[in-house]
Amino acid sequence: MAVLAPNGQEVPGLALADCLPITEDSLDHQVVWKYGRALNPNQHGRLRLRFVLQQAALFSFWIE
């Protein structure tokens, strides 16, 4: 998953290349980026998310 700024550019440290892949089925999996970076909507303001899936389906997501 990549986190995008309002202009469509990836947020440094939260880019697709920085996201650790999810390789298992899960109903409660946390997305993790390298170097312990985390998504903080209060810090980054308005954001967009880009999900990239291979042989998978996304049922739902939420942000806490």
C-alpha atoms as a PDB file:
ATOM      1  CA  MET A   1       0.000   0.000   0.000  1.00  0.00           C
ATOM      2  CA  ALA A   2       1.227   3.486  -0.773  1.00  0.00           C
ATOM      3  CA  VAL A   3       0.125   6.671   0.945  1.00  0.00           C
ATOM      4  CA  LEU A   4      -0.329   9.577  -1.461  1.00  0.00           C
ATOM      5  CA  ALA A   5      -0.382  13.297  -0.777  1.00  0.00           C
ATOM      6  CA  PRO A   6      -3.274  15.315  -2.268  1.00  0.00           C
ATOM      7  CA  ASN A   7      -1.106  16.006  -5.350  1.00  0.00           C
ATOM      8  CA  GLY A   8      -0.816  12.237  -6.021  1.00  0.00           C
ATOM      9  CA  GLN A   9       2.846  11.935  -5.029  1.00  0.00           C
ATOM     10  CA  GLU A  10       3.864   9.170  -2.611  1.00  0.00           C
ATOM     11  CA  VAL A  11       4.567  10.352   0.940  1.00  0.00           C
ATOM     12  CA  PRO A  12       8.276   9.716   1.692  1.00  0.00           C
ATOM     13  CA  GLY A  13       8.691   6.640   3.880  1.00  0.00           C
ATOM     14  CA  LEU A  14       5.117   5.517   3.159  1.00  0.00           C
ATOM     15  CA  ALA A  15       5.662   4.638  -0.501  1.00  0.00           C
ATOM     16  CA  LEU A  16       4.766   1.342  -2.140  1.00  0.00           C
ATOM     17  CA  ALA A  17       8.461   0.382  -2.213  1.00  0.00           C
ATOM     18  CA  ASP A  18       8.634   0.933   1.572  1.00  0.00           C
ATOM     19  CA  CYS A  19       5.574  -1.176   2.428  1.00  0.00           C
ATOM     20  CA  LEU A  20       6.229  -4.684   3.699  1.00  0.00           C
ATOM     21  CA  PRO A  21       4.179  -7.196   1.688  1.00  0.00           C
ATOM     22  CA  ILE A  22       1.232  -9.021   3.226  1.00  0.00           C
ATOM     23  CA  THR A  23       1.493 -12.682   2.231  1.00  0.00           C
ATOM     24  CA  GLU A  24      -1.273 -14.298   4.258  1.00  0.00           C
ATOM     25  CA  ASP A  25      -5.038 -14.222   4.621  1.00  0.00           C
ATOM     26  CA  SER A  26      -6.127 -12.108   7.550  1.00  0.00           C
ATOM     27  CA  LEU A  27      -9.146 -10.274   8.902  1.00  0.00           C
ATOM     28  CA  ASP A  28      -7.049  -8.037  11.141  1.00  0.00           C
ATOM     29  CA  HIS A  29      -3.682  -7.395   9.484  1.00  0.00           C
ATOM     30  CA  GLN A  30      -1.752  -4.195  10.123  1.00  0.00           C
ATOM     31  CA  VAL A  31       0.057  -2.569   7.208  1.00  0.00           C
ATOM     32  CA  VAL A  32       3.699  -1.914   8.115  1.00  0.00           C
ATOM     33  CA  TRP A  33       6.371   0.138   6.364  1.00  0.00           C
ATOM     34  CA  LYS A  34      10.153  -0.152   6.617  1.00  0.00           C
ATOM     35  CA  TYR A  35      11.912   1.773   9.370  1.00  0.00           C
ATOM     36  CA  GLY A  36       8.817   1.724  11.589  1.00  0.00           C
ATOM     37  CA  ARG A  37       7.024   4.504   9.711  1.00  0.00           C
ATOM     38  CA  ALA A  38       3.292   4.668  10.379  1.00  0.00           C
ATOM     39  CA  LEU A  39       0.276   6.334   8.861  1.00  0.00           C
ATOM     40  CA  ASN A  40      -0.877   9.233  11.013  1.00  0.00           C
ATOM     41  CA  PRO A  41      -3.855  11.041   9.429  1.00  0.00           C
ATOM     42  CA  ASN A  42      -3.637  13.817  12.027  1.00  0.00           C
ATOM     43  CA  GLN A  43      -0.025  14.551  11.067  1.00  0.00           C
ATOM     44  CA  HIS A  44      -0.305  14.205   7.306  1.00  0.00           C
ATOM     45  CA  GLY A  45      -3.725  15.785   6.756  1.00  0.00           C
ATOM     46  CA  ARG A  46      -5.803  14.693   3.800  1.00  0.00           C
ATOM     47  CA  LEU A  47      -4.355  11.612   2.088  1.00  0.00           C
ATOM     48  CA  ARG A  48      -5.109   9.038  -0.575  1.00  0.00           C
ATOM     49  CA  LEU A  49      -4.272   5.343  -0.406  1.00  0.00           C
ATOM     50  CA  ARG A  50      -3.091   3.131  -3.277  1.00  0.00           C
ATOM     51  CA  PHE A  51      -3.583  -0.602  -2.829  1.00  0.00           C
ATOM     52  CA  VAL A  52      -1.644  -2.953  -5.115  1.00  0.00           C
ATOM     53  CA  LEU A  53      -2.851  -6.575  -5.090  1.00  0.00           C
ATOM     54  CA  GLN A  54      -1.520  -9.695  -6.775  1.00  0.00           C
ATOM     55  CA  GLN A  55      -3.824 -12.729  -6.854  1.00  0.00           C
ATOM     56  CA  ALA A  56      -5.801 -11.197  -4.002  1.00  0.00           C
ATOM     57  CA  ALA A  57      -8.998  -9.361  -3.151  1.00  0.00           C
ATOM     58  CA  LEU A  58      -9.509  -6.523  -0.699  1.00  0.00           C
ATOM     59  CA  PHE A  59     -12.710  -6.914   1.264  1.00  0.00           C
ATOM     60  CA  SER A  60     -12.452  -3.817   3.464  1.00  0.00           C
ATOM     61  CA  PHE A  61     -10.038  -1.607   5.387  1.00  0.00           C
ATOM     62  CA  TRP A  62     -10.070   0.878   8.242  1.00  0.00           C
ATOM     63  CA  ILE A  63      -7.667   3.352   9.794  1.00  0.00           C
ATOM     64  CA  GLU A  64      -7.194   3.774  13.523  1.00  0.00           C
END
